Amino acid sequence: MIGVSGVGISLAAGSFQVPSVDEFMPPEILFQGTPFALNRIIIVRLIATVVLLLMLGITAARAKLIPGRWQGAIEWLIEFIRDNIVYQVMGELRGKQYVPMITTLFMTIFVFNLCGIIPGLNIAATATITMPLLFALWAFAQYWVAAVKGKGLGKFLKDELLPAGVPWPIYIILVPMQLLDIVLIRPFSLTIRLFANMISGHILVALCFAATQFFLIDAANKAFIGLGAVTFVAGFVMTLFEAFVAAIQAFIFATLSAVYINLSYPE
């Protein structure tokens, strides 16, 4: 059961130890002590990236005028991101230049999230703060670039920090709050939303399967077998729910990135 959950839990006979956040800080496996040191999560990210690139590359290389099922599914996903996220938020004229970026964000986050329920990987590549933060910084770099191009840095900061119609004394409070919002709060909220959802989901799935092992195998009292069956079913349901959450979180992150970038334009 531990192999299914992906959490290395040590369960002594008659005892039960819950999974902890220590699982998200695994030891280095390769190139220890060097700047290129790799732990389990980094290796999962590398594997997921290679698989995603190969999948899209092979699909593009073998693309046909009349698509098959696989090509049709990939094209449908790209069109869904373009039409229901980018164009829906930004409009077609402005959104065209951001379709590649938002599509990359959505697909990468989705595949990284799914790693948490893939046997052999068993941990989401977004379950540490590094990757969500990197994605958020990319989105907000585009936000600032669009703002500077559209308004100029001075006018953009003036519009954001000194909104019209506000009494001057209020600016004493409003300016630092607005500055925190556009510099820290927005990227931080994107980061924490994705990171927290994936780490909590992983712990819940691991907890269900750890409880299953305890009730079915390790517990001295065999009366707990019924509870083991319940926790096994709960773990299976939570695994399916995690697949749903993986898609929803990718959608939310991509949508909010498009919204934030769009907010930087003059109108």
C-alpha atoms as a PDB file:
ATOM      1  CA  MET A   1       0.000   0.000   0.000  1.00  0.00           C
ATOM      2  CA  ILE A   2       2.881   2.313   0.654  1.00  0.00           C
ATOM      3  CA  GLY A   3       4.018   1.953  -2.935  1.00  0.00           C
ATOM      4  CA  VAL A   4       0.577   3.072  -4.156  1.00  0.00           C
ATOM      5  CA  SER A   5       0.493   6.143  -1.978  1.00  0.00           C
ATOM      6  CA  GLY A   6       4.035   7.144  -2.759  1.00  0.00           C
ATOM      7  CA  VAL A   7       4.815   7.996   0.844  1.00  0.00           C
ATOM      8  CA  GLY A   8       7.468   6.033   2.664  1.00  0.00           C
ATOM      9  CA  ILE A   9       5.723   5.446   5.959  1.00  0.00           C
ATOM     10  CA  SER A  10       7.178   3.165   8.567  1.00  0.00           C
ATOM     11  CA  LEU A  11       4.376   1.294  10.275  1.00  0.00           C
ATOM     12  CA  ALA A  12       5.319  -0.847  13.218  1.00  0.00           C
ATOM     13  CA  ALA A  13       2.998  -3.630  14.296  1.00  0.00           C
ATOM     14  CA  GLY A  14       0.086  -2.209  16.219  1.00  0.00           C
ATOM     15  CA  SER A  15       1.100   1.427  15.557  1.00  0.00           C
ATOM     16  CA  PHE A  16       0.064   3.974  12.987  1.00  0.00           C
ATOM     17  CA  GLN A  17       2.159   6.877  11.779  1.00  0.00           C
ATOM     18  CA  VAL A  18       0.536   9.507   9.606  1.00  0.00           C
ATOM     19  CA  PRO A  19       2.317  10.935   6.541  1.00  0.00           C
ATOM     20  CA  SER A  20       4.084  14.242   7.051  1.00  0.00           C
ATOM     21  CA  VAL A  21       5.419  17.152   5.026  1.00  0.00           C
ATOM     22  CA  ASP A  22       8.912  15.680   5.384  1.00  0.00           C
ATOM     23  CA  GLU A  23       8.054  13.580   2.325  1.00  0.00           C
ATOM     24  CA  PHE A  24       8.189  16.779   0.260  1.00  0.00           C
ATOM     25  CA  MET A  25      11.806  17.406   1.248  1.00  0.00           C
ATOM     26  CA  PRO A  26      13.441  14.170   0.066  1.00  0.00           C
ATOM     27  CA  PRO A  27      17.220  13.633   0.246  1.00  0.00           C
ATOM     28  CA  GLU A  28      19.452  14.104  -2.764  1.00  0.00           C
ATOM     29  CA  ILE A  29      19.793  11.002  -4.925  1.00  0.00           C
ATOM     30  CA  LEU A  30      22.186  12.037  -7.699  1.00  0.00           C
ATOM     31  CA  PHE A  31      25.148  14.445  -7.763  1.00  0.00           C
ATOM     32  CA  GLN A  32      24.978  15.040  -4.024  1.00  0.00           C
ATOM     33  CA  GLY A  33      26.805  18.097  -2.781  1.00  0.00           C
ATOM     34  CA  THR A  34      26.936  19.804  -6.194  1.00  0.00           C
ATOM     35  CA  PRO A  35      24.812  22.593  -7.723  1.00  0.00           C
ATOM     36  CA  PHE A  36      23.283  19.881  -9.954  1.00  0.00           C
ATOM     37  CA  ALA A  37      22.067  17.675  -7.092  1.00  0.00           C
ATOM     38  CA  LEU A  38      18.806  15.875  -7.849  1.00  0.00           C
ATOM     39  CA  ASN A  39      16.227  14.607  -5.414  1.00  0.00           C
ATOM     40  CA  ARG A  40      13.127  12.565  -6.141  1.00  0.00           C
ATOM     41  CA  ILE A  41      10.861  15.537  -6.893  1.00  0.00           C
ATOM     42  CA  ILE A  42      13.334  17.096  -9.338  1.00  0.00           C
ATOM     43  CA  ILE A  43      13.665  13.758 -11.135  1.00  0.00           C
ATOM     44  CA  VAL A  44       9.863  13.534 -11.377  1.00  0.00           C
ATOM     45  CA  ARG A  45       9.823  17.027 -12.915  1.00  0.00           C
ATOM     46  CA  LEU A  46      12.459  16.054 -15.460  1.00  0.00           C
ATOM     47  CA  ILE A  47      10.583  12.883 -16.404  1.00  0.00           C
ATOM     48  CA  ALA A  48       7.279  14.747 -16.726  1.00  0.00           C
ATOM     49  CA  THR A  49       8.880  17.469 -18.865  1.00  0.00           C
ATOM     50  CA  VAL A  50      10.491  14.958 -21.223  1.00  0.00           C
ATOM     51  CA  VAL A  51       7.240  12.993 -21.560  1.00  0.00           C
ATOM     52  CA  LEU A  52       5.244  16.155 -22.271  1.00  0.00           C
ATOM     53  CA  LEU A  53       7.730  17.386 -24.891  1.00  0.00           C
ATOM     54  CA  LEU A  54       7.875  13.987 -26.581  1.00  0.00           C
ATOM     55  CA  MET A  55       4.094  13.665 -26.563  1.00  0.00           C
ATOM     56  CA  LEU A  56       3.534  17.062 -28.169  1.00  0.00           C
ATOM     57  CA  GLY A  57       6.528  16.765 -30.490  1.00  0.00           C
ATOM     58  CA  ILE A  58       5.516  13.370 -31.865  1.00  0.00           C
ATOM     59  CA  THR A  59       1.910  14.519 -32.227  1.00  0.00           C
ATOM     60  CA  ALA A  60       3.009  17.581 -34.203  1.00  0.00           C
ATOM     61  CA  ALA A  61       5.420  15.579 -36.380  1.00  0.00           C
ATOM     62  CA  ARG A  62       2.712  13.056 -37.264  1.00  0.00           C
ATOM     63  CA  ALA A  63      -0.101  15.561 -37.641  1.00  0.00           C
ATOM     64  CA  LYS A  64      -2.554  14.806 -40.435  1.00  0.00           C
ATOM     65  CA  LEU A  65      -5.127  16.912 -42.243  1.00  0.00           C
ATOM     66  CA  ILE A  66      -7.826  14.591 -40.944  1.00  0.00           C
ATOM     67  CA  PRO A  67      -6.794  14.026 -37.320  1.00  0.00           C
ATOM     68  CA  GLY A  68      -7.027  10.715 -35.539  1.00  0.00           C
ATOM     69  CA  ARG A  69      -8.350  10.362 -32.007  1.00  0.00           C
ATOM     70  CA  TRP A  70      -5.108  11.280 -30.275  1.00  0.00           C
ATOM     71  CA  GLN A  71      -4.366  14.264 -32.497  1.00  0.00           C
ATOM     72  CA  GLY A  72      -7.992  15.327 -32.206  1.00  0.00           C
ATOM     73  CA  ALA A  73      -7.807  15.208 -28.408  1.00  0.00           C
ATOM     74  CA  ILE A  74      -4.643  17.338 -28.337  1.00  0.00           C
ATOM     75  CA  GLU A  75      -6.124  19.844 -30.779  1.00  0.00           C
ATOM     76  CA  TRP A  76      -9.322  19.988 -28.735  1.00  0.00           C
ATOM     77  CA  LEU A  77      -7.328  20.732 -25.565  1.00  0.00           C
ATOM     78  CA  ILE A  78      -5.345  23.507 -27.261  1.00  0.00           C
ATOM     79  CA  GLU A  79      -8.511  25.024 -28.715  1.00  0.00           C
ATOM     80  CA  PHE A  80     -10.214  24.796 -25.323  1.00  0.00           C
ATOM     81  CA  ILE A  81      -7.373  26.738 -23.688  1.00  0.00           C
ATOM     82  CA  ARG A  82      -7.333  29.290 -26.501  1.00  0.00           C
ATOM     83  CA  ASP A  83     -11.085  29.884 -26.727  1.00  0.00           C
ATOM     84  CA  ASN A  84     -12.270  29.335 -23.145  1.00  0.00           C
ATOM     85  CA  ILE A  85      -9.367  30.844 -21.234  1.00  0.00           C
ATOM     86  CA  VAL A  86      -7.291  33.247 -23.313  1.00  0.00           C
ATOM     87  CA  TYR A  87      -9.895  34.655 -25.720  1.00  0.00           C
ATOM     88  CA  GLN A  88     -12.630  34.571 -23.084  1.00  0.00           C
ATOM     89  CA  VAL A  89     -10.549  36.729 -20.751  1.00  0.00           C
ATOM     90  CA  MET A  90      -8.464  38.879 -23.096  1.00  0.00           C
ATOM     91  CA  GLY A  91     -10.306  38.872 -26.394  1.00  0.00           C
ATOM     92  CA  GLU A  92      -9.010  37.416 -29.647  1.00  0.00           C
ATOM     93  CA  LEU A  93      -7.021  40.457 -30.832  1.00  0.00           C
ATOM     94  CA  ARG A  94      -4.982  40.847 -27.654  1.00  0.00           C
ATOM     95  CA  GLY A  95      -5.026  37.219 -26.619  1.00  0.00           C
ATOM     96  CA  LYS A  96      -3.307  35.767 -29.698  1.00  0.00           C
ATOM     97  CA  GLN A  97       0.155  36.654 -28.437  1.00  0.00           C
ATOM     98  CA  TYR A  98      -0.509  34.966 -25.081  1.00  0.00           C
ATOM     99  CA  VAL A  99      -1.965  31.691 -26.386  1.00  0.00           C
ATOM    100  CA  PRO A 100       1.447  29.903 -26.438  1.00  0.00           C
ATOM    101  CA  MET A 101       2.284  31.059 -22.912  1.00  0.00           C
ATOM    102  CA  ILE A 102      -1.075  30.208 -21.313  1.00  0.00           C
ATOM    103  CA  THR A 103      -1.194  26.870 -23.154  1.00  0.00           C
ATOM    104  CA  THR A 104       2.288  26.031 -21.862  1.00  0.00           C
ATOM    105  CA  LEU A 105       1.267  26.954 -18.315  1.00  0.00           C
ATOM    106  CA  PHE A 106      -1.904  24.873 -18.449  1.00  0.00           C
ATOM    107  CA  MET A 107      -0.356  21.746 -19.962  1.00  0.00           C
ATOM    108  CA  THR A 108       2.773  21.817 -17.816  1.00  0.00           C
ATOM    109  CA  ILE A 109       0.881  22.349 -14.572  1.00  0.00           C
ATOM    110  CA  PHE A 110      -1.668  19.672 -15.507  1.00  0.00           C
ATOM    111  CA  VAL A 111       0.995  17.048 -16.285  1.00  0.00           C
ATOM    112  CA  PHE A 112       3.046  18.015 -13.220  1.00  0.00           C
ATOM    113  CA  ASN A 113      -0.069  17.707 -11.033  1.00  0.00           C
ATOM    114  CA  LEU A 114      -0.954  14.296 -12.468  1.00  0.00           C
ATOM    115  CA  CYS A 115       2.421  12.912 -11.393  1.00  0.00           C
ATOM    116  CA  GLY A 116       0.976  12.584  -7.901  1.00  0.00           C
ATOM    117  CA  ILE A 117      -1.273   9.677  -8.956  1.00  0.00           C
ATOM    118  CA  ILE A 118       0.960   8.001 -11.564  1.00  0.00           C
ATOM    119  CA  PRO A 119       2.450   4.737 -10.227  1.00  0.00           C
ATOM    120  CA  GLY A 120       6.224   4.961  -9.919  1.00  0.00           C
ATOM    121  CA  LEU A 121       6.190   8.751  -9.604  1.00  0.00           C
ATOM    122  CA  ASN A 122       3.606   9.149  -6.832  1.00  0.00           C
ATOM    123  CA  ILE A 123       4.229  12.793  -6.047  1.00  0.00           C
ATOM    124  CA  ALA A 124       3.023  15.925  -7.790  1.00  0.00           C
ATOM    125  CA  ALA A 125       5.863  17.893  -9.353  1.00  0.00           C
ATOM    126  CA  THR A 126       4.082  21.043  -8.105  1.00  0.00           C
ATOM    127  CA  ALA A 127       3.914  19.814  -4.497  1.00  0.00           C
ATOM    128  CA  THR A 128       6.829  22.003  -3.427  1.00  0.00           C
ATOM    129  CA  ILE A 129       6.756  25.764  -3.661  1.00  0.00           C
ATOM    130  CA  THR A 130       9.517  26.060  -6.279  1.00  0.00           C
ATOM    131  CA  MET A 131       7.554  25.245  -9.448  1.00  0.00           C
ATOM    132  CA  PRO A 132       4.340  27.132  -8.537  1.00  0.00           C
ATOM    133  CA  LEU A 133       6.486  30.159  -7.686  1.00  0.00           C
ATOM    134  CA  LEU A 134       8.348  29.895 -10.986  1.00  0.00           C
ATOM    135  CA  PHE A 135       5.073  29.727 -12.942  1.00  0.00           C
ATOM    136  CA  ALA A 136       3.686  32.707 -10.997  1.00  0.00           C
ATOM    137  CA  LEU A 137       6.824  34.785 -11.623  1.00  0.00           C
ATOM    138  CA  TRP A 138       6.572  34.041 -15.342  1.00  0.00           C
ATOM    139  CA  ALA A 139       2.960  35.254 -15.377  1.00  0.00           C
ATOM    140  CA  PHE A 140       3.819  38.424 -13.501  1.00  0.00           C
ATOM    141  CA  ALA A 141       6.841  39.143 -15.645  1.00  0.00           C
ATOM    142  CA  GLN A 142       4.406  39.201 -18.580  1.00  0.00           C
ATOM    143  CA  TYR A 143       2.074  41.373 -16.505  1.00  0.00           C
ATOM    144  CA  TRP A 144       4.754  44.001 -15.973  1.00  0.00           C
ATOM    145  CA  VAL A 145       5.983  43.819 -19.574  1.00  0.00           C
ATOM    146  CA  ALA A 146       2.450  44.386 -20.885  1.00  0.00           C
ATOM    147  CA  ALA A 147       1.935  47.253 -18.411  1.00  0.00           C
ATOM    148  CA  VAL A 148       5.142  49.050 -19.370  1.00  0.00           C
ATOM    149  CA  LYS A 149       4.455  48.610 -23.089  1.00  0.00           C
ATOM    150  CA  GLY A 150       0.838  49.714 -22.801  1.00  0.00           C
ATOM    151  CA  LYS A 151       1.143  52.668 -20.441  1.00  0.00           C
ATOM    152  CA  GLY A 152       4.762  53.266 -19.608  1.00  0.00           C
ATOM    153  CA  LEU A 153       6.132  52.482 -16.169  1.00  0.00           C
ATOM    154  CA  GLY A 154       5.324  55.862 -14.623  1.00  0.00           C
ATOM    155  CA  LYS A 155       1.710  56.032 -15.783  1.00  0.00           C
ATOM    156  CA  PHE A 156       1.116  52.402 -14.884  1.00  0.00           C
ATOM    157  CA  LEU A 157       2.358  52.892 -11.321  1.00  0.00           C
ATOM    158  CA  LYS A 158       0.354  56.108 -11.008  1.00  0.00           C
ATOM    159  CA  ASP A 159      -2.858  54.425 -12.144  1.00  0.00           C
ATOM    160  CA  GLU A 160      -2.308  51.451  -9.839  1.00  0.00           C
ATOM    161  CA  LEU A 161      -1.091  53.277  -6.754  1.00  0.00           C
ATOM    162  CA  LEU A 162      -3.054  56.532  -7.043  1.00  0.00           C
ATOM    163  CA  PRO A 163      -6.526  55.689  -8.408  1.00  0.00           C
ATOM    164  CA  ALA A 164      -8.641  58.698  -9.311  1.00  0.00           C
ATOM    165  CA  GLY A 165     -11.443  59.871  -7.040  1.00  0.00           C
ATOM    166  CA  VAL A 166      -9.813  58.845  -3.775  1.00  0.00           C
ATOM    167  CA  PRO A 167      -9.348  61.506  -1.045  1.00  0.00           C
ATOM    168  CA  TRP A 168      -5.679  62.378  -0.606  1.00  0.00           C
ATOM    169  CA  PRO A 169      -5.372  61.279   3.048  1.00  0.00           C
ATOM    170  CA  ILE A 170      -6.481  57.770   2.018  1.00  0.00           C
ATOM    171  CA  TYR A 171      -3.434  57.469  -0.237  1.00  0.00           C
ATOM    172  CA  ILE A 172      -1.245  57.132   2.873  1.00  0.00           C
ATOM    173  CA  ILE A 173      -2.851  53.743   3.468  1.00  0.00           C
ATOM    174  CA  LEU A 174      -3.803  52.887  -0.099  1.00  0.00           C
ATOM    175  CA  VAL A 175      -0.406  53.297  -1.808  1.00  0.00           C
ATOM    176  CA  PRO A 176       1.499  50.683   0.243  1.00  0.00           C
ATOM    177  CA  MET A 177      -1.483  48.315   0.054  1.00  0.00           C
ATOM    178  CA  GLN A 178      -1.689  48.626  -3.733  1.00  0.00           C
ATOM    179  CA  LEU A 179       2.068  48.232  -4.053  1.00  0.00           C
ATOM    180  CA  LEU A 180       1.978  45.044  -1.986  1.00  0.00           C
ATOM    181  CA  ASP A 181      -0.875  43.788  -4.138  1.00  0.00           C
ATOM    182  CA  ILE A 182       0.846  44.175  -7.512  1.00  0.00           C
ATOM    183  CA  VAL A 183       4.313  43.160  -6.303  1.00  0.00           C
ATOM    184  CA  LEU A 184       3.687  40.386  -3.757  1.00  0.00           C
ATOM    185  CA  ILE A 185       0.081  39.413  -3.106  1.00  0.00           C
ATOM    186  CA  ARG A 186      -0.962  38.452  -6.636  1.00  0.00           C
ATOM    187  CA  PRO A 187       2.020  36.219  -7.435  1.00  0.00           C
ATOM    188  CA  PHE A 188       1.995  34.873  -3.873  1.00  0.00           C
ATOM    189  CA  SER A 189      -1.709  33.972  -4.108  1.00  0.00           C
ATOM    190  CA  LEU A 190      -1.125  32.121  -7.388  1.00  0.00           C
ATOM    191  CA  THR A 191       1.781  30.234  -5.857  1.00  0.00           C
ATOM    192  CA  ILE A 192       0.118  29.235  -2.587  1.00  0.00           C
ATOM    193  CA  ARG A 193      -3.172  28.206  -4.227  1.00  0.00           C
ATOM    194  CA  LEU A 194      -1.477  25.641  -6.460  1.00  0.00           C
ATOM    195  CA  PHE A 195       1.146  24.515  -3.951  1.00  0.00           C
ATOM    196  CA  ALA A 196      -1.274  24.077  -1.039  1.00  0.00           C
ATOM    197  CA  ASN A 197      -3.869  22.183  -3.063  1.00  0.00           C
ATOM    198  CA  MET A 198      -1.362  19.669  -4.394  1.00  0.00           C
ATOM    199  CA  ILE A 199       0.436  19.038  -1.113  1.00  0.00           C
ATOM    200  CA  SER A 200      -2.820  18.629   0.833  1.00  0.00           C
ATOM    201  CA  GLY A 201      -4.281  16.290  -1.785  1.00  0.00           C
ATOM    202  CA  HIS A 202      -1.175  14.132  -1.745  1.00  0.00           C
ATOM    203  CA  ILE A 203      -1.242  13.857   2.040  1.00  0.00           C
ATOM    204  CA  LEU A 204      -4.931  12.872   2.023  1.00  0.00           C
ATOM    205  CA  VAL A 205      -4.363  10.095  -0.514  1.00  0.00           C
ATOM    206  CA  ALA A 206      -1.306   8.889   1.393  1.00  0.00           C
ATOM    207  CA  LEU A 207      -3.233   8.953   4.662  1.00  0.00           C
ATOM    208  CA  CYS A 208      -6.029   6.794   3.221  1.00  0.00           C
ATOM    209  CA  PHE A 209      -3.654   4.126   1.938  1.00  0.00           C
ATOM    210  CA  ALA A 210      -1.507   4.239   5.079  1.00  0.00           C
ATOM    211  CA  ALA A 211      -4.640   3.646   7.140  1.00  0.00           C
ATOM    212  CA  THR A 212      -5.567   0.799   4.789  1.00  0.00           C
ATOM    213  CA  GLN A 213      -2.223  -0.902   5.406  1.00  0.00           C
ATOM    214  CA  PHE A 214      -2.561  -0.425   9.135  1.00  0.00           C
ATOM    215  CA  PHE A 215      -6.110  -1.792   9.384  1.00  0.00           C
ATOM    216  CA  LEU A 216      -5.598  -4.727   6.999  1.00  0.00           C
ATOM    217  CA  ILE A 217      -2.022  -5.782   7.785  1.00  0.00           C
ATOM    218  CA  ASP A 218      -0.429  -4.149  10.818  1.00  0.00           C
ATOM    219  CA  ALA A 219      -3.273  -3.901  13.306  1.00  0.00           C
ATOM    220  CA  ALA A 220      -3.321  -6.684  15.880  1.00  0.00           C
ATOM    221  CA  ASN A 221      -7.119  -6.592  16.121  1.00  0.00           C
ATOM    222  CA  LYS A 222      -8.599  -8.107  12.957  1.00  0.00           C
ATOM    223  CA  ALA A 223     -11.902  -6.399  13.733  1.00  0.00           C
ATOM    224  CA  PHE A 224     -10.400  -3.414  11.915  1.00  0.00           C
ATOM    225  CA  ILE A 225     -10.543  -5.190   8.539  1.00  0.00           C
ATOM    226  CA  GLY A 226     -13.859  -3.493   7.756  1.00  0.00           C
ATOM    227  CA  LEU A 227     -12.283  -0.102   8.384  1.00  0.00           C
ATOM    228  CA  GLY A 228      -9.427  -1.096   6.076  1.00  0.00           C
ATOM    229  CA  ALA A 229     -11.894  -1.736   3.266  1.00  0.00           C
ATOM    230  CA  VAL A 230     -13.464   1.673   3.878  1.00  0.00           C
ATOM    231  CA  THR A 231     -10.131   3.502   3.820  1.00  0.00           C
ATOM    232  CA  PHE A 232      -9.099   1.608   0.665  1.00  0.00           C
ATOM    233  CA  VAL A 233     -12.242   2.755  -1.133  1.00  0.00           C
ATOM    234  CA  ALA A 234     -11.690   6.270   0.227  1.00  0.00           C
ATOM    235  CA  GLY A 235      -8.126   6.217  -1.117  1.00  0.00           C
ATOM    236  CA  PHE A 236      -9.341   5.135  -4.544  1.00  0.00           C
ATOM    237  CA  VAL A 237     -11.980   7.883  -4.574  1.00  0.00           C
ATOM    238  CA  MET A 238      -9.433  10.462  -3.437  1.00  0.00           C
ATOM    239  CA  THR A 239      -7.081   9.358  -6.219  1.00  0.00           C
ATOM    240  CA  LEU A 240      -9.807  10.019  -8.798  1.00  0.00           C
ATOM    241  CA  PHE A 241     -10.549  13.319  -7.085  1.00  0.00           C
ATOM    242  CA  GLU A 242      -6.867  14.248  -7.295  1.00  0.00           C
ATOM    243  CA  ALA A 243      -7.006  13.748 -11.084  1.00  0.00           C
ATOM    244  CA  PHE A 244      -9.952  16.151 -11.164  1.00  0.00           C
ATOM    245  CA  VAL A 245      -8.109  18.646  -8.931  1.00  0.00           C
ATOM    246  CA  ALA A 246      -5.050  18.415 -11.201  1.00  0.00           C
ATOM    247  CA  ALA A 247      -7.124  19.654 -14.131  1.00  0.00           C
ATOM    248  CA  ILE A 248      -9.049  22.261 -12.107  1.00  0.00           C
ATOM    249  CA  GLN A 249      -5.881  23.767 -10.621  1.00  0.00           C
ATOM    250  CA  ALA A 250      -4.270  23.991 -14.063  1.00  0.00           C
ATOM    251  CA  PHE A 251      -7.412  25.727 -15.352  1.00  0.00           C
ATOM    252  CA  ILE A 252      -7.550  28.165 -12.421  1.00  0.00           C
ATOM    253  CA  PHE A 253      -3.849  29.031 -12.636  1.00  0.00           C
ATOM    254  CA  ALA A 254      -4.021  29.613 -16.397  1.00  0.00           C
ATOM    255  CA  THR A 255      -7.214  31.670 -16.110  1.00  0.00           C
ATOM    256  CA  LEU A 256      -5.921  33.881 -13.293  1.00  0.00           C
ATOM    257  CA  SER A 257      -2.644  34.412 -15.169  1.00  0.00           C
ATOM    258  CA  ALA A 258      -4.628  35.637 -18.178  1.00  0.00           C
ATOM    259  CA  VAL A 259      -6.768  37.850 -15.922  1.00  0.00           C
ATOM    260  CA  TYR A 260      -3.762  39.416 -14.208  1.00  0.00           C
ATOM    261  CA  ILE A 261      -1.972  40.088 -17.497  1.00  0.00           C
ATOM    262  CA  ASN A 262      -5.144  41.622 -18.910  1.00  0.00           C
ATOM    263  CA  LEU A 263      -5.410  43.955 -15.892  1.00  0.00           C
ATOM    264  CA  SER A 264      -2.162  45.650 -16.939  1.00  0.00           C
ATOM    265  CA  TYR A 265      -3.675  47.096 -20.128  1.00  0.00           C
ATOM    266  CA  PRO A 266      -4.864  50.727 -20.163  1.00  0.00           C
ATOM    267  CA  GLU A 267      -8.615  50.100 -20.437  1.00  0.00           C
END
